[in-house]
Amino acid sequence: MPQPHDIPSFLQAVDKIGELRRIGVPVSKHLEITEIADRVVKQAGPALVFDRVRENPEVPVAIGLFGSHNRLALALHDKPENIAKRITELIGTRPPNSLVGMAKMGLQMLPTIASLGIKRPKDGPCKEVILKGDDVDLSELPVLTCWPDDGGPFVTLPMVFTHNPNTKRRNVGMYRVQVFDKNTTGMHWQIHKVGAQHQREAGNQPIEAAVCLGGDPCLPFCALAPLPEEIDEIIFAGFLRGKPVEMVKCETIDVEVPADCEYVIEGTIQPGENRPEGPFGDHTGYYTPIEDYPVFRVKCITRRKRPIYPATIVGIPPMEDGYLGKAVGEIFLPLIKTQLPELVDMNLPVEATFHHLCIVSIKKRYPHHAYKAMHALWGLGQLMFSKVIIVVDDDVDVHNLSEVIWRVTNNFDPERDVQIVKGPIDSLDHSAPMVGFGTKMGIDATKKWPSEGYTRQWPEVVKMDHATVAKVDSIWESLGLGDNPGSPSIDGHIRAPMP
């Protein structure tokens, strides 16, 4: 199957694996598409293309593109576990000790090095139609109004390109964009985001920004991935694709954008110009309230001749972003382990909307090691937003929430094993006393050692002995109880579902 490089080729690939449905019934971009997509994604259903959007009949809306493990693997050009292995191999590469070794390493690394560049063609599909001045009209895009109390229509799958005004380093972030009128939007970059930092560093100078929709299907993932600031999202996209991303210069601003985009919205953000933005039904499952955010003034829109509008919806989990969030945890675990080598595994449950709960297992090396681990995690990029961090031993499956609840509630004493700290939190956390700052909790649910002041004898987990397991295995078929499920207690893990 050819590698998808834009939205049309991605939809063809999704169709070939049987996970695409085209909707010919006229529907409205105001609430109706959201209600349909919400029902489908919660059943782990297919991606949808709405071919007859009532208000914008010429532009199909594609939604739910990343809403399955198969589709996400197609978008990322590989399975998340394989990408994680590639990152692990790169991190673990040891310097060669001879000229022959250097030559061999060079040959092995050539494909990776080649993929990390950028190609700059003179033109691209995103410039087939160019609209400037009075021709700019955002109402020509089928921007969704997702929930009844939303402040208006929101672009929900944007890639926002900006540059640091001092270092010129590019950043690609995903910040929701509320459409105010034909050429004005909000720009919801929160104070902890890189886009907001670029604006602060610009001082009294305007910030140029390009809002891109579409392009290679891996690009939205790169835009929301918690990459270190030194790593260019477009370079990371090249790593995922195995080949460079083609970039073209914008028409009215000094910003490069992916050539294969469906739409590129060019504009500026003037210093000090803010406007009330919201409410918005967010990924927390609650509406985020009205707050002042920068105003984005659109100067130009470029697009394909026959564009497809990509969108997503967020709300009460599980949603499509659950697949993206799980992939983030899996792919970036090797990078986190470079800073926290004792880390075994990590789970950011979708039910906790990722930022609210982080469950990690560690190979405990010394007394009170769990506290070192939780504070180290709070110091790593977007993990600083983790409202609750639970630390368990390395023999616990952090992805089995039944087992986690069983282990945690048995292993922690609230007075001894809980820490409350203050610090930055997700700006969308409505429970905090102020925006972006509040308290966080760490729970040490590891086995307690005598050197940690535990004077009682810690009990062993109930397990069956191997001889009895083998005996029952040998007679299982004669018992007439169906397929042998295996011993549920041989390894101390909860596996069987509760009745």
Protein backbone atom coordinates (compact mmCIF):
# COMPACT_ATOMS: atom_id res chain seq x y z
CA MET A 1 0.00 0.00 0.00
CA PRO A 2 1.47 3.42 -0.95
CA GLN A 3 2.45 5.56 2.00
CA PRO A 4 -0.18 8.28 2.64
CA HIS A 5 1.24 11.80 2.38
CA ASP A 6 -1.90 13.94 2.58
CA ILE A 7 -5.55 13.73 3.55
CA PRO A 8 -6.85 12.34 0.21
CA SER A 9 -4.27 9.52 0.11
CA PHE A 10 -4.85 8.83 3.81
CA LEU A 11 -8.60 8.47 3.27
CA GLN A 12 -7.91 6.05 0.42
CA ALA A 13 -5.70 3.98 2.74
CA VAL A 14 -8.33 4.02 5.49
CA ASP A 15 -10.96 2.95 2.96
CA LYS A 16 -8.80 0.00 1.87
CA ILE A 17 -8.71 -1.38 5.42
CA GLY A 18 -12.48 -1.04 5.67
CA GLU A 19 -12.57 1.78 8.25
CA LEU A 20 -14.11 4.63 6.24
CA ARG A 21 -17.75 5.57 5.76
CA ARG A 22 -18.95 8.34 3.46
CA ILE A 23 -22.16 10.10 4.54
CA GLY A 24 -24.33 11.41 1.69
CA VAL A 25 -27.22 12.60 3.87
CA PRO A 26 -27.23 16.42 4.27
CA VAL A 27 -26.14 17.37 7.80
CA SER A 28 -25.33 20.61 9.56
CA LYS A 29 -21.89 21.67 10.81
CA HIS A 30 -23.80 23.18 13.74
CA LEU A 31 -23.98 20.37 16.37
CA GLU A 32 -25.23 17.59 14.06
CA ILE A 33 -21.82 16.37 12.85
CA THR A 34 -20.63 16.32 16.46
CA GLU A 35 -23.58 14.22 17.61
CA ILE A 36 -23.05 11.69 14.82
CA ALA A 37 -19.27 11.53 15.29
CA ASP A 38 -19.60 11.23 19.08
CA ARG A 39 -21.86 8.18 18.78
CA VAL A 40 -19.51 6.54 16.26
CA VAL A 41 -16.22 7.15 18.09
CA LYS A 42 -17.63 5.82 21.38
CA GLN A 43 -18.37 2.56 19.57
CA ALA A 44 -14.83 2.45 18.11
CA GLY A 45 -16.43 2.98 14.71
CA PRO A 46 -15.02 4.08 11.36
CA ALA A 47 -13.68 7.42 10.17
CA LEU A 48 -16.40 9.53 8.58
CA VAL A 49 -16.50 11.81 5.55
CA PHE A 50 -19.57 14.06 5.35
CA ASP A 51 -19.97 14.82 1.64
CA ARG A 52 -23.01 17.08 1.97
CA VAL A 53 -22.50 19.63 4.73
CA ARG A 54 -25.59 21.78 4.54
CA GLU A 55 -23.88 25.15 5.02
CA ASN A 56 -20.80 24.36 2.86
CA PRO A 57 -21.90 21.77 0.28
CA GLU A 58 -18.68 22.08 -1.77
CA VAL A 59 -16.32 21.03 1.06
CA PRO A 60 -16.45 17.54 2.63
CA VAL A 61 -15.67 17.19 6.35
CA ALA A 62 -13.44 14.31 7.45
CA ILE A 63 -13.64 13.38 11.12
CA GLY A 64 -12.49 10.55 13.37
CA LEU A 65 -9.36 10.03 11.26
CA PHE A 66 -7.30 8.81 14.24
CA GLY A 67 -10.08 6.97 16.08
CA SER A 68 -8.70 3.42 15.95
CA HIS A 69 -5.36 1.70 16.46
CA ASN A 70 -5.27 0.71 12.79
CA ARG A 71 -5.94 4.23 11.52
CA LEU A 72 -3.44 5.75 13.91
CA ALA A 73 -0.75 3.31 12.74
CA LEU A 74 -1.52 4.34 9.15
CA ALA A 75 -1.27 8.02 10.09
CA LEU A 76 2.03 7.56 11.91
CA HIS A 77 3.39 5.30 9.15
CA ASP A 78 4.01 2.56 11.74
CA LYS A 79 2.67 1.12 14.96
CA PRO A 80 3.49 3.20 18.09
CA GLU A 81 5.41 0.30 19.65
CA ASN A 82 7.64 0.06 16.59
CA ILE A 83 8.28 3.81 16.64
CA ALA A 84 9.21 3.52 20.31
CA LYS A 85 11.69 0.77 19.42
CA ARG A 86 13.26 2.97 16.76
CA ILE A 87 13.67 5.78 19.29
CA THR A 88 15.14 3.33 21.79
CA GLU A 89 17.65 2.15 19.18
CA LEU A 90 18.67 5.72 18.38
CA ILE A 91 19.08 6.60 22.04
CA GLY A 92 21.02 3.40 22.73
CA THR A 93 23.43 3.81 19.81
CA ARG A 94 26.97 3.63 21.18
CA PRO A 95 29.87 5.52 19.61
CA PRO A 96 32.00 3.22 17.39
CA ASN A 97 35.53 2.37 18.52
CA SER A 98 37.08 2.09 15.06
CA LEU A 99 36.97 3.59 11.56
CA VAL A 100 35.23 0.44 10.33
CA GLY A 101 32.64 0.84 13.07
CA MET A 102 32.10 4.48 12.12
CA ALA A 103 31.54 3.49 8.49
CA LYS A 104 29.05 0.78 9.44
CA MET A 105 27.15 3.14 11.74
CA GLY A 106 27.04 5.76 9.01
CA LEU A 107 25.47 3.31 6.56
CA GLN A 108 22.92 2.21 9.16
CA MET A 109 22.01 5.79 10.05
CA LEU A 110 21.78 7.12 6.48
CA PRO A 111 18.01 6.45 6.08
CA THR A 112 17.28 8.19 9.39
CA ILE A 113 19.55 11.14 8.63
CA ALA A 114 18.05 11.54 5.16
CA SER A 115 14.51 11.63 6.58
CA LEU A 116 15.34 14.48 8.95
CA GLY A 117 15.82 17.11 6.27
CA ILE A 118 13.27 19.41 4.67
CA LYS A 119 12.49 19.73 0.96
CA ARG A 120 11.48 23.12 -0.41
CA PRO A 121 9.62 22.90 -3.72
CA LYS A 122 8.56 26.16 -5.34
CA ASP A 123 4.87 25.35 -5.05
CA GLY A 124 2.46 22.82 -3.60
CA PRO A 125 -1.20 21.70 -3.59
CA CYS A 126 -1.93 24.05 -0.68
CA LYS A 127 -1.52 27.01 -3.09
CA GLU A 128 -3.86 25.93 -5.86
CA VAL A 129 -6.24 28.71 -4.76
CA ILE A 130 -5.00 31.94 -3.14
CA LEU A 131 -7.40 34.35 -1.44
CA LYS A 132 -6.30 37.75 -0.13
CA GLY A 133 -7.87 40.97 1.09
CA ASP A 134 -11.65 41.12 0.67
CA ASP A 135 -11.69 37.58 -0.74
CA VAL A 136 -10.73 36.17 2.67
CA ASP A 137 -13.82 34.63 4.24
CA LEU A 138 -13.56 31.99 6.94
CA SER A 139 -17.24 31.14 6.58
CA GLU A 140 -16.32 29.26 3.40
CA LEU A 141 -14.71 26.62 5.63
CA PRO A 142 -17.14 24.16 7.27
CA VAL A 143 -15.86 24.97 10.77
CA LEU A 144 -17.84 23.01 13.34
CA THR A 145 -19.86 24.33 16.23
CA CYS A 146 -19.47 21.27 18.42
CA TRP A 147 -21.57 21.73 21.56
CA PRO A 148 -24.68 23.78 22.39
CA ASP A 149 -22.97 26.25 24.73
CA ASP A 150 -19.83 26.75 22.64
CA GLY A 151 -19.00 30.40 22.00
CA GLY A 152 -19.09 29.79 18.26
CA PRO A 153 -17.46 27.61 15.60
CA PHE A 154 -13.99 26.29 16.44
CA VAL A 155 -11.21 24.93 14.26
CA THR A 156 -10.41 21.77 16.22
CA LEU A 157 -7.54 20.14 14.31
CA PRO A 158 -5.23 23.08 13.54
CA MET A 159 -1.46 23.04 13.29
CA VAL A 160 -0.26 26.50 14.29
CA PHE A 161 3.16 27.46 12.90
CA THR A 162 5.12 30.25 14.64
CA HIS A 163 8.78 31.18 15.07
CA ASN A 164 10.70 32.35 18.10
CA PRO A 165 11.43 36.03 17.28
CA ASN A 166 14.94 35.77 18.73
CA THR A 167 16.21 32.32 17.82
CA LYS A 168 13.97 31.91 14.73
CA ARG A 169 13.27 28.36 15.87
CA ARG A 170 10.01 26.97 14.53
CA ASN A 171 7.22 25.61 16.68
CA VAL A 172 4.13 23.71 15.59
CA GLY A 173 1.41 23.60 18.23
CA MET A 174 -2.23 22.59 18.32
CA TYR A 175 -4.27 25.43 19.77
CA ARG A 176 -8.00 25.69 19.20
CA VAL A 177 -9.11 28.56 16.98
CA GLN A 178 -12.51 30.20 17.52
CA VAL A 179 -13.88 31.93 14.41
CA PHE A 180 -15.21 35.40 15.30
CA ASP A 181 -15.97 36.71 11.80
CA LYS A 182 -14.81 36.39 8.18
CA ASN A 183 -11.16 37.31 8.95
CA THR A 184 -10.74 37.27 12.73
CA THR A 185 -10.29 34.40 15.18
CA GLY A 186 -9.07 33.71 18.67
CA MET A 187 -5.78 31.96 19.34
CA HIS A 188 -6.06 29.75 22.41
CA TRP A 189 -2.43 29.27 23.30
CA GLN A 190 -2.22 28.86 27.04
CA ILE A 191 0.49 30.54 29.10
CA HIS A 192 2.59 27.35 29.33
CA LYS A 193 2.58 26.72 25.57
CA VAL A 194 5.43 27.57 23.22
CA GLY A 195 3.27 29.81 21.03
CA ALA A 196 2.52 32.00 24.04
CA GLN A 197 6.24 32.10 24.85
CA HIS A 198 6.97 33.27 21.29
CA GLN A 199 4.46 36.08 21.76
CA ARG A 200 6.02 37.10 25.09
CA GLU A 201 9.49 37.19 23.56
CA ALA A 202 8.21 39.31 20.65
CA GLY A 203 7.37 42.09 23.09
CA ASN A 204 5.81 44.99 21.19
CA GLN A 205 6.22 43.32 17.79
CA PRO A 206 3.44 41.34 16.07
CA ILE A 207 3.70 37.57 15.75
CA GLU A 208 3.20 35.94 12.37
CA ALA A 209 1.31 32.65 12.43
CA ALA A 210 -0.02 30.13 9.93
CA VAL A 211 -2.91 27.82 10.82
CA CYS A 212 -2.63 24.68 8.70
CA LEU A 213 -5.22 21.97 8.12
CA GLY A 214 -4.37 18.63 6.57
CA GLY A 215 -1.07 17.57 5.07
CA ASP A 216 0.65 14.36 6.01
CA PRO A 217 -1.58 12.56 8.55
CA CYS A 218 1.31 12.32 11.03
CA LEU A 219 1.53 16.12 11.32
CA PRO A 220 -1.36 16.63 13.81
CA PHE A 221 0.30 14.07 16.09
CA CYS A 222 3.61 15.95 15.83
CA ALA A 223 1.83 19.22 16.67
CA LEU A 224 0.42 17.88 19.93
CA ALA A 225 3.39 15.66 20.88
CA PRO A 226 5.33 16.77 24.01
CA LEU A 227 8.59 17.23 22.14
CA PRO A 228 11.51 19.03 23.79
CA GLU A 229 11.71 22.61 22.50
CA GLU A 230 15.00 21.82 20.73
CA ILE A 231 13.30 19.23 18.48
CA ASP A 232 11.54 20.64 15.42
CA GLU A 233 8.12 19.06 14.90
CA ILE A 234 8.72 18.95 11.13
CA ILE A 235 12.00 17.11 11.63
CA PHE A 236 10.17 14.64 13.88
CA ALA A 237 7.54 14.22 11.15
CA GLY A 238 10.36 13.33 8.75
CA PHE A 239 11.52 10.70 11.23
CA LEU A 240 8.02 9.19 11.34
CA ARG A 241 7.57 9.34 7.55
CA GLY A 242 11.04 8.07 6.74
CA LYS A 243 11.43 10.96 4.30
CA PRO A 244 11.59 14.77 4.47
CA VAL A 245 8.48 16.95 4.64
CA GLU A 246 8.00 19.28 1.68
CA MET A 247 7.58 22.87 2.87
CA VAL A 248 6.59 26.02 0.95
CA LYS A 249 6.73 29.70 1.85
CA CYS A 250 3.52 31.46 2.82
CA GLU A 251 2.15 34.22 0.60
CA THR A 252 1.96 37.11 3.08
CA ILE A 253 4.10 36.10 6.06
CA ASP A 254 7.61 34.75 6.57
CA VAL A 255 6.53 31.25 7.60
CA GLU A 256 6.99 27.89 5.88
CA VAL A 257 4.12 25.39 5.82
CA PRO A 258 3.63 21.80 4.58
CA ALA A 259 3.02 21.83 0.84
CA ASP A 260 0.35 19.09 0.99
CA CYS A 261 -2.07 20.91 3.31
CA GLU A 262 -5.75 21.30 2.50
CA TYR A 263 -5.89 24.84 3.90
CA VAL A 264 -3.36 27.41 5.12
CA ILE A 265 -4.67 30.42 7.04
CA GLU A 266 -2.05 33.19 7.25
CA GLY A 267 -2.15 36.10 9.64
CA THR A 268 -0.72 38.08 12.53
CA ILE A 269 -1.28 38.56 16.23
CA GLN A 270 -0.80 42.13 17.40
CA PRO A 271 0.75 42.80 20.83
CA GLY A 272 -1.79 43.42 23.55
CA GLU A 273 -4.83 42.65 21.38
CA ASN A 274 -6.97 40.18 23.31
CA ARG A 275 -10.63 39.25 23.16
CA PRO A 276 -12.99 37.03 25.18
CA GLU A 277 -12.82 33.46 23.82
CA GLY A 278 -15.07 30.51 24.65
CA PRO A 279 -16.88 28.76 26.17
CA PHE A 280 -15.72 25.53 24.58
CA GLY A 281 -16.72 21.93 25.30
CA ASP A 282 -13.23 20.60 25.93
CA HIS A 283 -11.41 17.27 26.27
CA THR A 284 -12.00 17.36 30.03
CA GLY A 285 -15.69 16.76 29.33
CA TYR A 286 -16.56 20.18 30.75
CA TYR A 287 -16.94 23.59 29.15
CA THR A 288 -13.92 25.82 29.63
CA PRO A 289 -15.17 29.30 30.55
CA ILE A 290 -14.82 32.58 28.68
CA GLU A 291 -11.34 34.08 29.05
CA ASP A 292 -9.27 36.63 27.17
CA TYR A 293 -6.94 35.24 24.50
CA PRO A 294 -4.96 36.79 21.63
CA VAL A 295 -6.74 37.82 18.44
CA PHE A 296 -5.54 36.32 15.14
CA ARG A 297 -6.14 38.58 12.13
CA VAL A 298 -6.26 36.66 8.86
CA LYS A 299 -4.48 38.17 5.84
CA CYS A 300 -4.65 35.30 3.39
CA ILE A 301 -6.15 31.84 2.89
CA THR A 302 -4.61 29.36 0.48
CA ARG A 303 -6.15 25.98 -0.27
CA ARG A 304 -6.49 23.12 -2.69
CA LYS A 305 -8.99 23.38 -5.55
CA ARG A 306 -11.10 20.66 -3.98
CA PRO A 307 -10.24 20.78 -0.28
CA ILE A 308 -11.28 18.35 2.43
CA TYR A 309 -11.80 19.89 5.86
CA PRO A 310 -10.26 17.71 8.63
CA ALA A 311 -11.81 17.99 12.08
CA THR A 312 -12.06 16.29 15.43
CA ILE A 313 -14.32 16.67 18.43
CA VAL A 314 -13.54 16.55 22.13
CA GLY A 315 -15.83 16.09 25.09
CA ILE A 316 -16.67 13.41 27.65
CA PRO A 317 -14.17 10.55 27.16
CA PRO A 318 -13.57 8.25 25.47
CA MET A 319 -12.97 10.33 22.39
CA GLU A 320 -10.67 10.18 19.38
CA ASP A 321 -7.91 11.94 21.33
CA GLY A 322 -7.68 8.84 23.53
CA TYR A 323 -5.85 6.97 20.76
CA LEU A 324 -3.49 9.90 20.23
CA GLY A 325 -2.82 10.22 23.95
CA LYS A 326 -2.01 6.53 24.33
CA ALA A 327 0.38 6.76 21.40
CA VAL A 328 2.12 9.76 22.98
CA GLY A 329 2.74 7.79 26.17
CA GLU A 330 4.06 4.76 24.32
CA ILE A 331 6.25 6.58 21.80
CA PHE A 332 7.88 8.99 24.23
CA LEU A 333 8.48 6.53 27.06
CA PRO A 334 12.06 5.83 25.83
CA LEU A 335 12.86 9.56 25.99
CA ILE A 336 11.44 9.83 29.50
CA LYS A 337 13.55 6.85 30.57
CA THR A 338 16.71 8.73 29.60
CA GLN A 339 15.87 11.12 32.45
CA LEU A 340 14.28 8.52 34.71
CA PRO A 341 16.03 5.16 34.11
CA GLU A 342 14.19 3.45 36.96
CA LEU A 343 10.91 3.94 35.09
CA VAL A 344 9.42 0.66 33.82
CA ASP A 345 6.08 1.72 32.32
CA MET A 346 3.58 4.57 32.33
CA ASN A 347 -0.15 4.94 31.78
CA LEU A 348 -2.08 8.19 31.26
CA PRO A 349 -5.69 6.94 31.43
CA VAL A 350 -8.05 8.48 28.92
CA GLU A 351 -10.79 8.59 31.59
CA ALA A 352 -8.63 11.08 33.50
CA THR A 353 -8.13 13.18 30.34
CA PHE A 354 -4.40 12.43 30.46
CA HIS A 355 -3.22 15.37 32.59
CA HIS A 356 -5.22 14.42 35.65
CA LEU A 357 -3.69 11.00 36.38
CA CYS A 358 -0.31 9.46 35.67
CA ILE A 359 0.36 5.89 36.80
CA VAL A 360 3.97 4.72 36.66
CA SER A 361 5.83 1.59 37.71
CA ILE A 362 9.45 1.79 38.83
CA LYS A 363 12.26 -0.58 39.71
CA LYS A 364 12.69 0.57 43.27
CA ARG A 365 16.36 0.97 44.21
CA TYR A 366 16.42 2.73 47.56
CA PRO A 367 14.10 3.91 50.36
CA HIS A 368 11.49 6.50 49.36
CA HIS A 369 12.47 6.15 45.71
CA ALA A 370 8.84 6.73 44.70
CA TYR A 371 9.04 10.36 45.84
CA LYS A 372 12.10 11.00 43.69
CA ALA A 373 10.25 9.51 40.72
CA MET A 374 7.11 11.61 41.13
CA HIS A 375 9.05 14.86 41.54
CA ALA A 376 11.20 14.02 38.52
CA LEU A 377 8.05 13.49 36.44
CA TRP A 378 6.62 16.83 37.58
CA GLY A 379 9.80 18.39 36.22
CA LEU A 380 9.49 16.90 32.71
CA GLY A 381 7.71 18.99 30.09
CA GLN A 382 3.95 18.57 29.99
CA LEU A 383 4.08 15.94 32.73
CA MET A 384 4.26 18.94 35.06
CA PHE A 385 0.49 19.14 34.59
CA SER A 386 -0.12 15.70 36.17
CA LYS A 387 -2.60 16.36 38.98
CA VAL A 388 -2.15 12.90 40.49
CA ILE A 389 0.90 10.64 40.12
CA ILE A 390 0.66 7.09 41.41
CA VAL A 391 3.89 5.11 41.74
CA VAL A 392 3.75 1.31 41.93
CA ASP A 393 6.33 -1.48 41.84
CA ASP A 394 7.72 -2.94 38.63
CA ASP A 395 5.59 -6.11 38.87
CA VAL A 396 2.33 -4.13 38.48
CA ASP A 397 0.66 -3.78 35.08
CA VAL A 398 -0.08 -0.02 35.00
CA HIS A 399 -2.45 -0.45 32.04
CA ASN A 400 -4.72 -2.82 33.99
CA LEU A 401 -6.77 -0.36 36.04
CA SER A 402 -8.41 -3.17 38.00
CA GLU A 403 -4.99 -4.31 39.15
CA VAL A 404 -3.83 -0.75 39.84
CA ILE A 405 -6.84 -0.06 42.08
CA TRP A 406 -6.30 -3.36 43.90
CA ARG A 407 -2.60 -2.70 44.47
CA VAL A 408 -2.90 0.98 45.39
CA THR A 409 -5.72 0.61 47.89
CA ASN A 410 -3.87 -2.24 49.58
CA ASN A 411 -0.38 -0.71 49.56
CA PHE A 412 -0.72 2.92 50.62
CA ASP A 413 -1.38 4.57 53.96
CA PRO A 414 -2.93 8.02 53.34
CA GLU A 415 -0.98 9.84 56.03
CA ARG A 416 2.39 8.24 55.29
CA ASP A 417 2.34 7.77 51.53
CA VAL A 418 0.68 10.89 50.10
CA GLN A 419 2.44 14.13 49.17
CA ILE A 420 0.66 17.36 48.29
CA VAL A 421 2.69 19.91 46.31
CA LYS A 422 2.00 23.23 44.59
CA GLY A 423 2.86 24.03 41.01
CA PRO A 424 1.71 24.60 37.43
CA ILE A 425 -1.36 22.66 36.33
CA ASP A 426 -3.34 22.38 33.11
CA SER A 427 -5.08 25.67 32.37
CA LEU A 428 -8.24 23.70 31.56
CA ASP A 429 -8.47 22.29 35.11
CA HIS A 430 -11.58 24.04 36.40
CA SER A 431 -11.16 22.66 39.94
CA ALA A 432 -8.03 24.74 40.61
CA PRO A 433 -8.32 27.93 42.68
CA MET A 434 -6.69 29.93 39.86
CA VAL A 435 -5.96 29.39 36.17
CA GLY A 436 -2.81 27.35 35.54
CA PHE A 437 -1.74 26.96 39.17
CA GLY A 438 -2.86 24.68 41.98
CA THR A 439 -1.99 21.59 43.99
CA LYS A 440 -0.92 18.15 42.86
CA MET A 441 -0.82 14.83 44.68
CA GLY A 442 1.69 11.99 44.63
CA ILE A 443 0.86 8.53 46.00
CA ASP A 444 3.58 6.03 46.88
CA ALA A 445 1.88 2.65 46.41
CA THR A 446 5.08 0.62 46.31
CA LYS A 447 5.90 -2.16 48.74
CA LYS A 448 7.29 -0.56 51.92
CA TRP A 449 10.72 -1.55 53.19
CA PRO A 450 12.03 -1.67 56.77
CA SER A 451 14.48 1.07 55.77
CA GLU A 452 11.44 3.27 55.06
CA GLY A 453 10.26 2.87 58.64
CA TYR A 454 7.86 -0.02 58.00
CA THR A 455 8.24 -2.27 61.05
CA ARG A 456 5.59 -4.86 60.25
CA GLN A 457 6.07 -7.82 57.90
CA TRP A 458 4.88 -6.97 54.37
CA PRO A 459 2.61 -9.79 53.14
CA GLU A 460 3.08 -11.74 49.92
CA VAL A 461 0.56 -11.69 47.07
CA VAL A 462 -1.70 -14.74 46.92
CA LYS A 463 -0.52 -17.05 44.11
CA MET A 464 -1.09 -20.68 43.19
CA ASP A 465 1.92 -23.02 43.16
CA HIS A 466 3.22 -24.17 39.76
CA ALA A 467 2.68 -27.87 40.43
CA THR A 468 -1.05 -27.41 41.05
CA VAL A 469 -1.38 -25.16 38.00
CA ALA A 470 0.29 -27.80 35.83
CA LYS A 471 -1.95 -30.53 37.28
CA VAL A 472 -5.15 -28.58 36.59
CA ASP A 473 -3.91 -27.73 33.09
CA SER A 474 -3.46 -31.43 32.38
CA ILE A 475 -7.02 -32.35 33.39
CA TRP A 476 -8.84 -29.19 32.24
CA GLU A 477 -10.25 -30.64 29.04
CA SER A 478 -11.83 -33.53 30.93
CA LEU A 479 -13.63 -31.09 33.26
CA GLY A 480 -15.93 -29.92 30.47
CA LEU A 481 -15.54 -26.23 31.36
CA GLY A 482 -14.67 -24.90 27.93
CA ASP A 483 -11.38 -23.39 26.80
CA ASN A 484 -8.61 -23.27 29.38
CA PRO A 485 -8.28 -19.61 30.50
CA GLY A 486 -4.99 -20.27 32.31
CA SER A 487 -4.39 -19.72 35.97
CA PRO A 488 -5.63 -16.27 37.04
CA SER A 489 -3.33 -16.09 40.06
CA ILE A 490 -0.07 -17.70 38.96
CA ASP A 491 1.68 -14.35 38.49
CA GLY A 492 -0.22 -12.16 40.93
CA HIS A 493 -2.01 -10.12 38.24
CA ILE A 494 -5.74 -9.52 37.93
CA ARG A 495 -6.81 -10.93 34.58
CA ALA A 496 -10.31 -12.34 34.82
CA PRO A 497 -13.18 -9.83 34.52
CA MET A 498 -15.41 -9.39 37.53
CA PRO A 499 -18.94 -10.82 37.21
